Amino acid sequence: MIEKAGGGTLHLDEIGELSHESQVKLLRLLQEGEFLPLGADTIRMADIRVVVSTNLDLARLQNTGQFRKDLYYRLSVHHIHVPPLRERCEDIPLLLKHYIAQTAEALAKSLPFSPMRHCSR
């Protein structure tokens, strides 16, 4: 994945569940740009951006020792908190409209109704 992302961006999901061994490897990649491909015996360099996501509280995990403090520091440079959808109800009609239109297009069907017209907001 690192080689394929070369010169681009690598997204790692559920970073909070990364093993300690993998956390060390990721930290090395972030700090030095170095990684060891699976089955290889020579270190390679990578020029990538890394974006991570998780639904876990990394600050709490690093305070309890489950997540490396140095890795947490590296990853928390640009933190974006997206509240759960239940806390952003105003987004539901927009998402509904988008997915109904996307599905109708994929099935070569016309829109069954205007999603915004039937919404209470």
PDB file of N, CA and C in Angstrom:
ATOM      1  N   MET A   1       0.820  -1.189   0.000  1.00  0.00           N
ATOM      2  CA  MET A   1       0.000   0.000   0.000  1.00  0.00           C
ATOM      3  C   MET A   1       0.865   1.254   0.000  1.00  0.00           C
ATOM      4  N   ILE A   2       1.959   1.193   0.717  1.00  0.00           N
ATOM      5  CA  ILE A   2       2.840   2.359   0.807  1.00  0.00           C
ATOM      6  C   ILE A   2       3.456   2.666  -0.547  1.00  0.00           C
ATOM      7  N   GLU A   3       3.897   1.626  -1.244  1.00  0.00           N
ATOM      8  CA  GLU A   3       4.484   1.831  -2.570  1.00  0.00           C
ATOM      9  C   GLU A   3       3.448   2.362  -3.552  1.00  0.00           C
ATOM     10  N   LYS A   4       2.251   1.842  -3.512  1.00  0.00           N
ATOM     11  CA  LYS A   4       1.202   2.298  -4.419  1.00  0.00           C
ATOM     12  C   LYS A   4       0.816   3.749  -4.149  1.00  0.00           C
ATOM     13  N   ALA A   5       0.939   4.184  -2.900  1.00  0.00           N
ATOM     14  CA  ALA A   5       0.589   5.562  -2.542  1.00  0.00           C
ATOM     15  C   ALA A   5       1.731   6.535  -2.813  1.00  0.00           C
ATOM     16  N   GLY A   6       2.855   6.044  -3.288  1.00  0.00           N
ATOM     17  CA  GLY A   6       4.030   6.882  -3.521  1.00  0.00           C
ATOM     18  C   GLY A   6       3.698   8.180  -4.230  1.00  0.00           C
ATOM     19  N   GLY A   7       4.096   9.302  -3.628  1.00  0.00           N
ATOM     20  CA  GLY A   7       3.825  10.612  -4.184  1.00  0.00           C
ATOM     21  C   GLY A   7       2.407  11.093  -3.917  1.00  0.00           C
ATOM     22  N   GLY A   8       1.620  10.294  -3.226  1.00  0.00           N
ATOM     23  CA  GLY A   8       0.228  10.643  -2.962  1.00  0.00           C
ATOM     24  C   GLY A   8      -0.123  10.502  -1.492  1.00  0.00           C
ATOM     25  N   THR A   9      -1.351  10.090  -1.260  1.00  0.00           N
ATOM     26  CA  THR A   9      -1.875  10.015   0.099  1.00  0.00           C
ATOM     27  C   THR A   9      -2.304   8.588   0.420  1.00  0.00           C
ATOM     28  N   LEU A  10      -1.945   8.119   1.606  1.00  0.00           N
ATOM     29  CA  LEU A  10      -2.353   6.810   2.104  1.00  0.00           C
ATOM     30  C   LEU A  10      -3.329   7.034   3.257  1.00  0.00           C
ATOM     31  N   HIS A  11      -4.523   6.445   3.159  1.00  0.00           N
ATOM     32  CA  HIS A  11      -5.504   6.549   4.239  1.00  0.00           C
ATOM     33  C   HIS A  11      -5.499   5.252   5.039  1.00  0.00           C
ATOM     34  N   LEU A  12      -5.302   5.369   6.335  1.00  0.00           N
ATOM     35  CA  LEU A  12      -5.331   4.220   7.239  1.00  0.00           C
ATOM     36  C   LEU A  12      -6.525   4.371   8.175  1.00  0.00           C
ATOM     37  N   ASP A  13      -7.466   3.453   8.085  1.00  0.00           N
ATOM     38  CA  ASP A  13      -8.679   3.495   8.900  1.00  0.00           C
ATOM     39  C   ASP A  13      -8.468   2.682  10.161  1.00  0.00           C
ATOM     40  N   GLU A  14      -9.209   3.011  11.194  1.00  0.00           N
ATOM     41  CA  GLU A  14      -9.165   2.319  12.487  1.00  0.00           C
ATOM     42  C   GLU A  14      -7.748   2.274  13.046  1.00  0.00           C
ATOM     43  N   ILE A  15      -7.071   3.389  13.004  1.00  0.00           N
ATOM     44  CA  ILE A  15      -5.680   3.492  13.466  1.00  0.00           C
ATOM     45  C   ILE A  15      -5.558   3.186  14.961  1.00  0.00           C
ATOM     46  N   GLY A  16      -6.628   3.408  15.709  1.00  0.00           N
ATOM     47  CA  GLY A  16      -6.596   3.158  17.149  1.00  0.00           C
ATOM     48  C   GLY A  16      -6.461   1.689  17.506  1.00  0.00           C
ATOM     49  N   GLU A  17      -6.699   0.810  16.545  1.00  0.00           N
ATOM     50  CA  GLU A  17      -6.610  -0.631  16.794  1.00  0.00           C
ATOM     51  C   GLU A  17      -5.298  -1.225  16.290  1.00  0.00           C
ATOM     52  N   LEU A  18      -4.365  -0.362  15.908  1.00  0.00           N
ATOM     53  CA  LEU A  18      -3.071  -0.808  15.403  1.00  0.00           C
ATOM     54  C   LEU A  18      -2.238  -1.420  16.533  1.00  0.00           C
ATOM     55  N   SER A  19      -1.615  -2.552  16.266  1.00  0.00           N
ATOM     56  CA  SER A  19      -0.774  -3.202  17.281  1.00  0.00           C
ATOM     57  C   SER A  19       0.436  -2.319  17.607  1.00  0.00           C
ATOM     58  N   HIS A  20       1.056  -2.544  18.756  1.00  0.00           N
ATOM     59  CA  HIS A  20       2.235  -1.759  19.144  1.00  0.00           C
ATOM     60  C   HIS A  20       3.357  -1.921  18.127  1.00  0.00           C
ATOM     61  N   GLU A  21       3.526  -3.117  17.610  1.00  0.00           N
ATOM     62  CA  GLU A  21       4.570  -3.371  16.615  1.00  0.00           C
ATOM     63  C   GLU A  21       4.322  -2.541  15.355  1.00  0.00           C
ATOM     64  N   SER A  22       3.082  -2.507  14.920  1.00  0.00           N
ATOM     65  CA  SER A  22       2.743  -1.730  13.729  1.00  0.00           C
ATOM     66  C   SER A  22       2.811  -0.225  14.002  1.00  0.00           C
ATOM     67  N   GLN A  23       2.533   0.165  15.237  1.00  0.00           N
ATOM     68  CA  GLN A  23       2.664   1.579  15.595  1.00  0.00           C
ATOM     69  C   GLN A  23       4.114   2.034  15.444  1.00  0.00           C
ATOM     70  N   VAL A  24       5.060   1.188  15.836  1.00  0.00           N
ATOM     71  CA  VAL A  24       6.484   1.502  15.697  1.00  0.00           C
ATOM     72  C   VAL A  24       6.839   1.665  14.219  1.00  0.00           C
ATOM     73  N   LYS A  25       6.328   0.765  13.400  1.00  0.00           N
ATOM     74  CA  LYS A  25       6.617   0.824  11.961  1.00  0.00           C
ATOM     75  C   LYS A  25       6.016   2.079  11.327  1.00  0.00           C
ATOM     76  N   LEU A  26       4.810   2.418  11.726  1.00  0.00           N
ATOM     77  CA  LEU A  26       4.169   3.617  11.192  1.00  0.00           C
ATOM     78  C   LEU A  26       4.920   4.869  11.638  1.00  0.00           C
ATOM     79  N   LEU A  27       5.360   4.894  12.876  1.00  0.00           N
ATOM     80  CA  LEU A  27       6.130   6.033  13.371  1.00  0.00           C
ATOM     81  C   LEU A  27       7.414   6.213  12.571  1.00  0.00           C
ATOM     82  N   ARG A  28       8.075   5.119  12.266  1.00  0.00           N
ATOM     83  CA  ARG A  28       9.300   5.188  11.462  1.00  0.00           C
ATOM     84  C   ARG A  28       9.007   5.738  10.067  1.00  0.00           C
ATOM     85  N   LEU A  29       7.885   5.299   9.495  1.00  0.00           N
ATOM     86  CA  LEU A  29       7.485   5.802   8.185  1.00  0.00           C
ATOM     87  C   LEU A  29       7.238   7.311   8.243  1.00  0.00           C
ATOM     88  N   LEU A  30       6.550   7.755   9.275  1.00  0.00           N
ATOM     89  CA  LEU A  30       6.234   9.178   9.392  1.00  0.00           C
ATOM     90  C   LEU A  30       7.472  10.028   9.659  1.00  0.00           C
ATOM     91  N   GLN A  31       8.355   9.541  10.513  1.00  0.00           N
ATOM     92  CA  GLN A  31       9.540  10.324  10.893  1.00  0.00           C
ATOM     93  C   GLN A  31      10.640  10.272   9.842  1.00  0.00           C
ATOM     94  N   GLU A  32      10.919   9.102   9.336  1.00  0.00           N
ATOM     95  CA  GLU A  32      12.071   8.913   8.457  1.00  0.00           C
ATOM     96  C   GLU A  32      11.701   8.691   6.993  1.00  0.00           C
ATOM     97  N   GLY A  33      10.433   8.382   6.743  1.00  0.00           N
ATOM     98  CA  GLY A  33      10.028   8.061   5.379  1.00  0.00           C
ATOM     99  C   GLY A  33      10.492   6.680   4.956  1.00  0.00           C
ATOM    100  N   GLU A  34      10.837   5.841   5.926  1.00  0.00           N
ATOM    101  CA  GLU A  34      11.370   4.505   5.636  1.00  0.00           C
ATOM    102  C   GLU A  34      10.340   3.429   5.953  1.00  0.00           C
ATOM    103  N   PHE A  35      10.372   2.365   5.135  1.00  0.00           N
ATOM    104  CA  PHE A  35       9.528   1.211   5.415  1.00  0.00           C
ATOM    105  C   PHE A  35      10.198  -0.040   4.852  1.00  0.00           C
ATOM    106  N   LEU A  36       9.806  -1.167   5.391  1.00  0.00           N
ATOM    107  CA  LEU A  36      10.332  -2.459   4.947  1.00  0.00           C
ATOM    108  C   LEU A  36       9.173  -3.247   4.360  1.00  0.00           C
ATOM    109  N   PRO A  37       9.125  -3.389   3.018  1.00  0.00           N
ATOM    110  CA  PRO A  37       8.019  -4.132   2.405  1.00  0.00           C
ATOM    111  C   PRO A  37       7.987  -5.584   2.880  1.00  0.00           C
ATOM    112  N   LEU A  38       6.813  -6.151   2.908  1.00  0.00           N
ATOM    113  CA  LEU A  38       6.624  -7.537   3.317  1.00  0.00           C
ATOM    114  C   LEU A  38       7.445  -8.449   2.417  1.00  0.00           C
ATOM    115  N   GLY A  39       8.272  -9.283   2.998  1.00  0.00           N
ATOM    116  CA  GLY A  39       9.095 -10.227   2.255  1.00  0.00           C
ATOM    117  C   GLY A  39      10.399  -9.661   1.733  1.00  0.00           C
ATOM    118  N   ALA A  40      10.623  -8.357   1.948  1.00  0.00           N
ATOM    119  CA  ALA A  40      11.860  -7.730   1.470  1.00  0.00           C
ATOM    120  C   ALA A  40      12.893  -7.716   2.582  1.00  0.00           C
ATOM    121  N   ASP A  41      14.158  -7.548   2.208  1.00  0.00           N
ATOM    122  CA  ASP A  41      15.201  -7.450   3.221  1.00  0.00           C
ATOM    123  C   ASP A  41      15.938  -6.113   3.156  1.00  0.00           C
ATOM    124  N   THR A  42      15.456  -5.211   2.321  1.00  0.00           N
ATOM    125  CA  THR A  42      16.062  -3.877   2.253  1.00  0.00           C
ATOM    126  C   THR A  42      14.999  -2.812   2.510  1.00  0.00           C
ATOM    127  N   ILE A  43      15.405  -1.805   3.237  1.00  0.00           N
ATOM    128  CA  ILE A  43      14.519  -0.693   3.568  1.00  0.00           C
ATOM    129  C   ILE A  43      14.325   0.182   2.336  1.00  0.00           C
ATOM    130  N   ARG A  44      13.116   0.640   2.146  1.00  0.00           N
ATOM    131  CA  ARG A  44      12.802   1.543   1.040  1.00  0.00           C
ATOM    132  C   ARG A  44      12.322   2.877   1.593  1.00  0.00           C
ATOM    133  N   MET A  45      12.378   3.888   0.737  1.00  0.00           N
ATOM    134  CA  MET A  45      11.932   5.222   1.122  1.00  0.00           C
ATOM    135  C   MET A  45      10.556   5.478   0.492  1.00  0.00           C
ATOM    136  N   ALA A  46       9.762   6.275   1.169  1.00  0.00           N
ATOM    137  CA  ALA A  46       8.426   6.605   0.667  1.00  0.00           C
ATOM    138  C   ALA A  46       8.195   8.101   0.790  1.00  0.00           C
ATOM    139  N   ASP A  47       7.606   8.664  -0.243  1.00  0.00           N
ATOM    140  CA  ASP A  47       7.218  10.064  -0.241  1.00  0.00           C
ATOM    141  C   ASP A  47       5.690  10.093  -0.293  1.00  0.00           C
ATOM    142  N   ILE A  48       5.064  10.042   0.889  1.00  0.00           N
ATOM    143  CA  ILE A  48       3.604   9.990   0.954  1.00  0.00           C
ATOM    144  C   ILE A  48       3.089  10.867   2.084  1.00  0.00           C
ATOM    145  N   ARG A  49       1.823  11.222   1.948  1.00  0.00           N
ATOM    146  CA  ARG A  49       1.086  11.838   3.042  1.00  0.00           C
ATOM    147  C   ARG A  49       0.259  10.717   3.663  1.00  0.00           C
ATOM    148  N   VAL A  50       0.074  10.779   4.961  1.00  0.00           N
ATOM    149  CA  VAL A  50      -0.720   9.760   5.644  1.00  0.00           C
ATOM    150  C   VAL A  50      -1.891  10.441   6.337  1.00  0.00           C
ATOM    151  N   VAL A  51      -3.093   9.949   6.053  1.00  0.00           N
ATOM    152  CA  VAL A  51      -4.310  10.412   6.706  1.00  0.00           C
ATOM    153  C   VAL A  51      -4.862   9.216   7.464  1.00  0.00           C
ATOM    154  N   VAL A  52      -5.187   9.419   8.732  1.00  0.00           N
ATOM    155  CA  VAL A  52      -5.701   8.316   9.541  1.00  0.00           C
ATOM    156  C   VAL A  52      -7.083   8.668  10.073  1.00  0.00           C
ATOM    157  N   SER A  53      -7.841   7.628  10.385  1.00  0.00           N
ATOM    158  CA  SER A  53      -9.154   7.834  10.988  1.00  0.00           C
ATOM    159  C   SER A  53      -9.419   6.734  12.001  1.00  0.00           C
ATOM    160  N   THR A  54     -10.275   7.070  12.941  1.00  0.00           N
ATOM    161  CA  THR A  54     -10.666   6.108  13.965  1.00  0.00           C
ATOM    162  C   THR A  54     -11.917   6.611  14.657  1.00  0.00           C
ATOM    163  N   ASN A  55     -12.650   5.707  15.258  1.00  0.00           N
ATOM    164  CA  ASN A  55     -13.784   6.114  16.080  1.00  0.00           C
ATOM    165  C   ASN A  55     -13.412   6.021  17.560  1.00  0.00           C
ATOM    166  N   LEU A  56     -12.155   5.696  17.844  1.00  0.00           N
ATOM    167  CA  LEU A  56     -11.681   5.597  19.221  1.00  0.00           C
ATOM    168  C   LEU A  56     -11.057   6.916  19.656  1.00  0.00           C
ATOM    169  N   ASP A  57     -10.976   7.128  20.952  1.00  0.00           N
ATOM    170  CA  ASP A  57     -10.378   8.333  21.515  1.00  0.00           C
ATOM    171  C   ASP A  57      -8.874   8.095  21.678  1.00  0.00           C
ATOM    172  N   LEU A  58      -8.096   8.551  20.702  1.00  0.00           N
ATOM    173  CA  LEU A  58      -6.647   8.313  20.733  1.00  0.00           C
ATOM    174  C   LEU A  58      -5.979   8.997  21.919  1.00  0.00           C
ATOM    175  N   ALA A  59      -6.480  10.144  22.327  1.00  0.00           N
ATOM    176  CA  ALA A  59      -5.893  10.836  23.486  1.00  0.00           C
ATOM    177  C   ALA A  59      -6.020   9.955  24.729  1.00  0.00           C
ATOM    178  N   ARG A  60      -7.177   9.349  24.908  1.00  0.00           N
ATOM    179  CA  ARG A  60      -7.379   8.453  26.063  1.00  0.00           C
ATOM    180  C   ARG A  60      -6.505   7.215  25.935  1.00  0.00           C
ATOM    181  N   LEU A  61      -6.412   6.659  24.727  1.00  0.00           N
ATOM    182  CA  LEU A  61      -5.595   5.462  24.518  1.00  0.00           C
ATOM    183  C   LEU A  61      -4.119   5.730  24.780  1.00  0.00           C
ATOM    184  N   GLN A  62      -3.635   6.893  24.391  1.00  0.00           N
ATOM    185  CA  GLN A  62      -2.222   7.177  24.643  1.00  0.00           C
ATOM    186  C   GLN A  62      -1.993   7.458  26.123  1.00  0.00           C
ATOM    187  N   ASN A  63      -2.981   7.981  26.820  1.00  0.00           N
ATOM    188  CA  ASN A  63      -2.851   8.195  28.269  1.00  0.00           C
ATOM    189  C   ASN A  63      -2.837   6.877  29.042  1.00  0.00           C
ATOM    190  N   THR A  64      -3.483   5.842  28.488  1.00  0.00           N
ATOM    191  CA  THR A  64      -3.503   4.537  29.159  1.00  0.00           C
ATOM    192  C   THR A  64      -2.395   3.623  28.664  1.00  0.00           C
ATOM    193  N   GLY A  65      -1.570   4.106  27.720  1.00  0.00           N
ATOM    194  CA  GLY A  65      -0.461   3.306  27.221  1.00  0.00           C
ATOM    195  C   GLY A  65      -0.813   2.363  26.086  1.00  0.00           C
ATOM    196  N   GLN A  66      -2.040   2.407  25.612  1.00  0.00           N
ATOM    197  CA  GLN A  66      -2.449   1.520  24.521  1.00  0.00           C
ATOM    198  C   GLN A  66      -2.047   2.075  23.155  1.00  0.00           C
ATOM    199  N   PHE A  67      -1.710   3.350  23.117  1.00  0.00           N
ATOM    200  CA  PHE A  67      -1.299   3.984  21.872  1.00  0.00           C
ATOM    201  C   PHE A  67      -0.063   4.819  22.166  1.00  0.00           C
ATOM    202  N   ARG A  68       0.947   4.700  21.328  1.00  0.00           N
ATOM    203  CA  ARG A  68       2.222   5.381  21.562  1.00  0.00           C
ATOM    204  C   ARG A  68       2.043   6.897  21.592  1.00  0.00           C
ATOM    205  N   LYS A  69       2.624   7.528  22.618  1.00  0.00           N
ATOM    206  CA  LYS A  69       2.528   8.984  22.749  1.00  0.00           C
ATOM    207  C   LYS A  69       3.220   9.694  21.595  1.00  0.00           C
ATOM    208  N   ASP A  70       4.384   9.188  21.159  1.00  0.00           N
ATOM    209  CA  ASP A  70       5.097   9.850  20.068  1.00  0.00           C
ATOM    210  C   ASP A  70       4.343   9.734  18.751  1.00  0.00           C
ATOM    211  N   LEU A  71       3.667   8.607  18.540  1.00  0.00           N
ATOM    212  CA  LEU A  71       2.868   8.451  17.337  1.00  0.00           C
ATOM    213  C   LEU A  71       1.629   9.339  17.406  1.00  0.00           C
ATOM    214  N   TYR A  72       1.009   9.395  18.568  1.00  0.00           N
ATOM    215  CA  TYR A  72      -0.147  10.279  18.761  1.00  0.00           C
ATOM    216  C   TYR A  72       0.244  11.726  18.450  1.00  0.00           C
ATOM    217  N   TYR A  73       1.396  12.139  18.927  1.00  0.00           N
ATOM    218  CA  TYR A  73       1.880  13.495  18.675  1.00  0.00           C
ATOM    219  C   TYR A  73       2.033  13.739  17.176  1.00  0.00           C
ATOM    220  N   ARG A  74       2.613  12.780  16.463  1.00  0.00           N
ATOM    221  CA  ARG A  74       2.811  12.915  15.012  1.00  0.00           C
ATOM    222  C   ARG A  74       1.484  12.966  14.257  1.00  0.00           C
ATOM    223  N   LEU A  75       0.525  12.182  14.710  1.00  0.00           N
ATOM    224  CA  LEU A  75      -0.745  12.095  13.997  1.00  0.00           C
ATOM    225  C   LEU A  75      -1.705  13.234  14.317  1.00  0.00           C
ATOM    226  N   SER A  76      -1.546  13.866  15.449  1.00  0.00           N
ATOM    227  CA  SER A  76      -2.515  14.878  15.863  1.00  0.00           C
ATOM    228  C   SER A  76      -2.150  16.286  15.398  1.00  0.00           C
ATOM    229  N   VAL A  77      -1.275  16.393  14.420  1.00  0.00           N
ATOM    230  CA  VAL A  77      -0.880  17.702  13.903  1.00  0.00           C
ATOM    231  C   VAL A  77      -2.096  18.444  13.350  1.00  0.00           C
ATOM    232  N   HIS A  78      -2.876  17.786  12.513  1.00  0.00           N
ATOM    233  CA  HIS A  78      -4.093  18.369  11.951  1.00  0.00           C
ATOM    234  C   HIS A  78      -5.250  17.446  12.303  1.00  0.00           C
ATOM    235  N   HIS A  79      -5.960  17.798  13.328  1.00  0.00           N
ATOM    236  CA  HIS A  79      -7.041  16.952  13.832  1.00  0.00           C
ATOM    237  C   HIS A  79      -8.376  17.513  13.358  1.00  0.00           C
ATOM    238  N   ILE A  80      -9.198  16.674  12.762  1.00  0.00           N
ATOM    239  CA  ILE A  80     -10.537  17.066  12.341  1.00  0.00           C
ATOM    240  C   ILE A  80     -11.524  16.150  13.052  1.00  0.00           C
ATOM    241  N   HIS A  81     -12.391  16.747  13.832  1.00  0.00           N
ATOM    242  CA  HIS A  81     -13.413  15.965  14.537  1.00  0.00           C
ATOM    243  C   HIS A  81     -14.717  16.082  13.761  1.00  0.00           C
ATOM    244  N   VAL A  82     -15.240  14.957  13.310  1.00  0.00           N
ATOM    245  CA  VAL A  82     -16.527  14.930  12.624  1.00  0.00           C
ATOM    246  C   VAL A  82     -17.518  14.280  13.578  1.00  0.00           C
ATOM    247  N   PRO A  83     -18.476  15.062  14.071  1.00  0.00           N
ATOM    248  CA  PRO A  83     -19.454  14.489  15.005  1.00  0.00           C
ATOM    249  C   PRO A  83     -20.282  13.408  14.324  1.00  0.00           C
ATOM    250  N   PRO A  84     -20.820  12.471  15.098  1.00  0.00           N
ATOM    251  CA  PRO A  84     -21.657  11.434  14.509  1.00  0.00           C
ATOM    252  C   PRO A  84     -22.900  12.053  13.861  1.00  0.00           C
ATOM    253  N   LEU A  85     -23.455  11.350  12.909  1.00  0.00           N
ATOM    254  CA  LEU A  85     -24.614  11.850  12.170  1.00  0.00           C
ATOM    255  C   LEU A  85     -25.780  12.187  13.101  1.00  0.00           C
ATOM    256  N   ARG A  86     -25.937  11.465  14.187  1.00  0.00           N
ATOM    257  CA  ARG A  86     -27.033  11.745  15.118  1.00  0.00           C
ATOM    258  C   ARG A  86     -26.919  13.147  15.723  1.00  0.00           C
ATOM    259  N   GLU A  87     -25.718  13.716  15.681  1.00  0.00           N
ATOM    260  CA  GLU A  87     -25.513  15.078  16.184  1.00  0.00           C
ATOM    261  C   GLU A  87     -25.554  16.114  15.063  1.00  0.00           C
ATOM    262  N   ARG A  88     -25.765  15.673  13.822  1.00  0.00           N
ATOM    263  CA  ARG A  88     -25.839  16.586  12.674  1.00  0.00           C
ATOM    264  C   ARG A  88     -27.064  16.241  11.836  1.00  0.00           C
ATOM    265  N   CYS A  89     -28.212  16.245  12.445  1.00  0.00           N
ATOM    266  CA  CYS A  89     -29.448  15.836  11.772  1.00  0.00           C
ATOM    267  C   CYS A  89     -29.724  16.654  10.517  1.00  0.00           C
ATOM    268  N   GLU A  90     -29.242  17.880  10.456  1.00  0.00           N
ATOM    269  CA  GLU A  90     -29.472  18.715   9.278  1.00  0.00           C
ATOM    270  C   GLU A  90     -28.783  18.150   8.036  1.00  0.00           C
ATOM    271  N   ASP A  91     -27.847  17.234   8.213  1.00  0.00           N
ATOM    272  CA  ASP A  91     -27.163  16.609   7.076  1.00  0.00           C
ATOM    273  C   ASP A  91     -27.952  15.449   6.462  1.00  0.00           C
ATOM    274  N   ILE A  92     -28.907  14.921   7.192  1.00  0.00           N
ATOM    275  CA  ILE A  92     -29.630  13.741   6.728  1.00  0.00           C
ATOM    276  C   ILE A  92     -30.372  13.989   5.409  1.00  0.00           C
ATOM    277  N   PRO A  93     -31.129  15.070   5.252  1.00  0.00           N
ATOM    278  CA  PRO A  93     -31.797  15.289   3.960  1.00  0.00           C
ATOM    279  C   PRO A  93     -30.811  15.415   2.798  1.00  0.00           C
ATOM    280  N   LEU A  94     -29.680  16.047   3.013  1.00  0.00           N
ATOM    281  CA  LEU A  94     -28.677  16.181   1.956  1.00  0.00           C
ATOM    282  C   LEU A  94     -28.104  14.821   1.564  1.00  0.00           C
ATOM    283  N   LEU A  95     -27.811  13.998   2.551  1.00  0.00           N
ATOM    284  CA  LEU A  95     -27.287  12.661   2.274  1.00  0.00           C
ATOM    285  C   LEU A  95     -28.340  11.801   1.577  1.00  0.00           C
ATOM    286  N   LEU A  96     -29.565  11.891   2.026  1.00  0.00           N
ATOM    287  CA  LEU A  96     -30.656  11.132   1.416  1.00  0.00           C
ATOM    288  C   LEU A  96     -30.808  11.511  -0.056  1.00  0.00           C
ATOM    289  N   LYS A  97     -30.821  12.791  -0.341  1.00  0.00           N
ATOM    290  CA  LYS A  97     -30.944  13.264  -1.724  1.00  0.00           C
ATOM    291  C   LYS A  97     -29.785  12.739  -2.573  1.00  0.00           C
ATOM    292  N   HIS A  98     -28.579  12.825  -2.050  1.00  0.00           N
ATOM    293  CA  HIS A  98     -27.398  12.368  -2.785  1.00  0.00           C
ATOM    294  C   HIS A  98     -27.478  10.882  -3.107  1.00  0.00           C
ATOM    295  N   TYR A  99     -27.779  10.049  -2.111  1.00  0.00           N
ATOM    296  CA  TYR A  99     -27.770   8.601  -2.332  1.00  0.00           C
ATOM    297  C   TYR A  99     -28.954   8.124  -3.177  1.00  0.00           C
ATOM    298  N   ILE A 100     -30.084   8.786  -3.068  1.00  0.00           N
ATOM    299  CA  ILE A 100     -31.209   8.422  -3.935  1.00  0.00           C
ATOM    300  C   ILE A 100     -30.868   8.771  -5.381  1.00  0.00           C
ATOM    301  N   ALA A 101     -30.288   9.952  -5.615  1.00  0.00           N
ATOM    302  CA  ALA A 101     -29.901  10.350  -6.972  1.00  0.00           C
ATOM    303  C   ALA A 101     -28.828   9.416  -7.527  1.00  0.00           C
ATOM    304  N   GLN A 102     -27.860   9.051  -6.692  1.00  0.00           N
ATOM    305  CA  GLN A 102     -26.783   8.150  -7.126  1.00  0.00           C
ATOM    306  C   GLN A 102     -27.347   6.773  -7.499  1.00  0.00           C
ATOM    307  N   THR A 103     -28.245   6.269  -6.708  1.00  0.00           N
ATOM    308  CA  THR A 103     -28.850   4.963  -6.978  1.00  0.00           C
ATOM    309  C   THR A 103     -29.726   5.010  -8.224  1.00  0.00           C
ATOM    310  N   ALA A 104     -30.514   6.070  -8.364  1.00  0.00           N
ATOM    311  CA  ALA A 104     -31.364   6.207  -9.549  1.00  0.00           C
ATOM    312  C   ALA A 104     -30.516   6.252 -10.816  1.00  0.00           C
ATOM    313  N   GLU A 105     -29.411   6.970 -10.772  1.00  0.00           N
ATOM    314  CA  GLU A 105     -28.526   7.046 -11.937  1.00  0.00           C
ATOM    315  C   GLU A 105     -27.910   5.684 -12.243  1.00  0.00           C
ATOM    316  N   ALA A 106     -27.464   4.976 -11.228  1.00  0.00           N
ATOM    317  CA  ALA A 106     -26.848   3.662 -11.429  1.00  0.00           C
ATOM    318  C   ALA A 106     -27.842   2.658 -12.017  1.00  0.00           C
ATOM    319  N   LEU A 107     -29.106   2.810 -11.668  1.00  0.00           N
ATOM    320  CA  LEU A 107     -30.143   1.902 -12.159  1.00  0.00           C
ATOM    321  C   LEU A 107     -30.851   2.446 -13.404  1.00  0.00           C
ATOM    322  N   ALA A 108     -30.382   3.599 -13.898  1.00  0.00           N
ATOM    323  CA  ALA A 108     -30.985   4.261 -15.067  1.00  0.00           C
ATOM    324  C   ALA A 108     -32.478   4.489 -14.853  1.00  0.00           C
ATOM    325  N   LYS A 109     -32.819   4.958 -13.684  1.00  0.00           N
ATOM    326  CA  LYS A 109     -34.211   5.254 -13.328  1.00  0.00           C
ATOM    327  C   LYS A 109     -34.336   6.745 -13.041  1.00  0.00           C
ATOM    328  N   SER A 110     -35.551   7.248 -13.152  1.00  0.00           N
ATOM    329  CA  SER A 110     -35.780   8.639 -12.763  1.00  0.00           C
ATOM    330  C   SER A 110     -35.959   8.679 -11.245  1.00  0.00           C
ATOM    331  N   LEU A 111     -35.761   9.851 -10.683  1.00  0.00           N
ATOM    332  CA  LEU A 111     -35.934   9.992  -9.237  1.00  0.00           C
ATOM    333  C   LEU A 111     -37.385   9.696  -8.868  1.00  0.00           C
ATOM    334  N   PRO A 112     -37.622   8.872  -7.860  1.00  0.00           N
ATOM    335  CA  PRO A 112     -38.999   8.516  -7.492  1.00  0.00           C
ATOM    336  C   PRO A 112     -39.765   9.699  -6.894  1.00  0.00           C
ATOM    337  N   PHE A 113     -39.041  10.636  -6.299  1.00  0.00           N
ATOM    338  CA  PHE A 113     -39.636  11.824  -5.693  1.00  0.00           C
ATOM    339  C   PHE A 113     -38.507  12.787  -5.377  1.00  0.00           C
ATOM    340  N   SER A 114     -38.869  13.959  -5.020  1.00  0.00           N
ATOM    341  CA  SER A 114     -37.860  14.930  -4.614  1.00  0.00           C
ATOM    342  C   SER A 114     -37.635  14.751  -3.126  1.00  0.00           C
ATOM    343  N   PRO A 115     -36.472  14.207  -2.701  1.00  0.00           N
ATOM    344  CA  PRO A 115     -36.227  13.923  -1.281  1.00  0.00           C
ATOM    345  C   PRO A 115     -36.374  15.163  -0.396  1.00  0.00           C
ATOM    346  N   MET A 116     -36.039  16.325  -0.903  1.00  0.00           N
ATOM    347  CA  MET A 116     -36.098  17.526  -0.068  1.00  0.00           C
ATOM    348  C   MET A 116     -37.547  17.965   0.153  1.00  0.00           C
ATOM    349  N   ARG A 117     -38.433  17.691  -0.813  1.00  0.00           N
ATOM    350  CA  ARG A 117     -39.828  18.111  -0.687  1.00  0.00           C
ATOM    351  C   ARG A 117     -40.508  17.379   0.463  1.00  0.00           C
ATOM    352  N   HIS A 118     -40.135  16.149   0.717  1.00  0.00           N
ATOM    353  CA  HIS A 118     -40.802  15.336   1.739  1.00  0.00           C
ATOM    354  C   HIS A 118     -40.135  15.430   3.109  1.00  0.00           C
ATOM    355  N   CYS A 119     -39.141  16.257   3.211  1.00  0.00           N
ATOM    356  CA  CYS A 119     -38.414  16.368   4.467  1.00  0.00           C
ATOM    357  C   CYS A 119     -39.052  17.449   5.332  1.00  0.00           C
ATOM    358  N   SER A 120     -39.068  17.228   6.646  1.00  0.00           N
ATOM    359  CA  SER A 120     -39.688  18.193   7.552  1.00  0.00           C
ATOM    360  C   SER A 120     -38.825  19.420   7.790  1.00  0.00           C
ATOM    361  N   ARG A 121     -37.571  19.409   7.328  1.00  0.00           N
ATOM    362  CA  ARG A 121     -36.693  20.560   7.555  1.00  0.00           C
ATOM    363  C   ARG A 121     -36.636  21.446   6.379  1.00  0.00           C
TER     364      ARG A 121
END
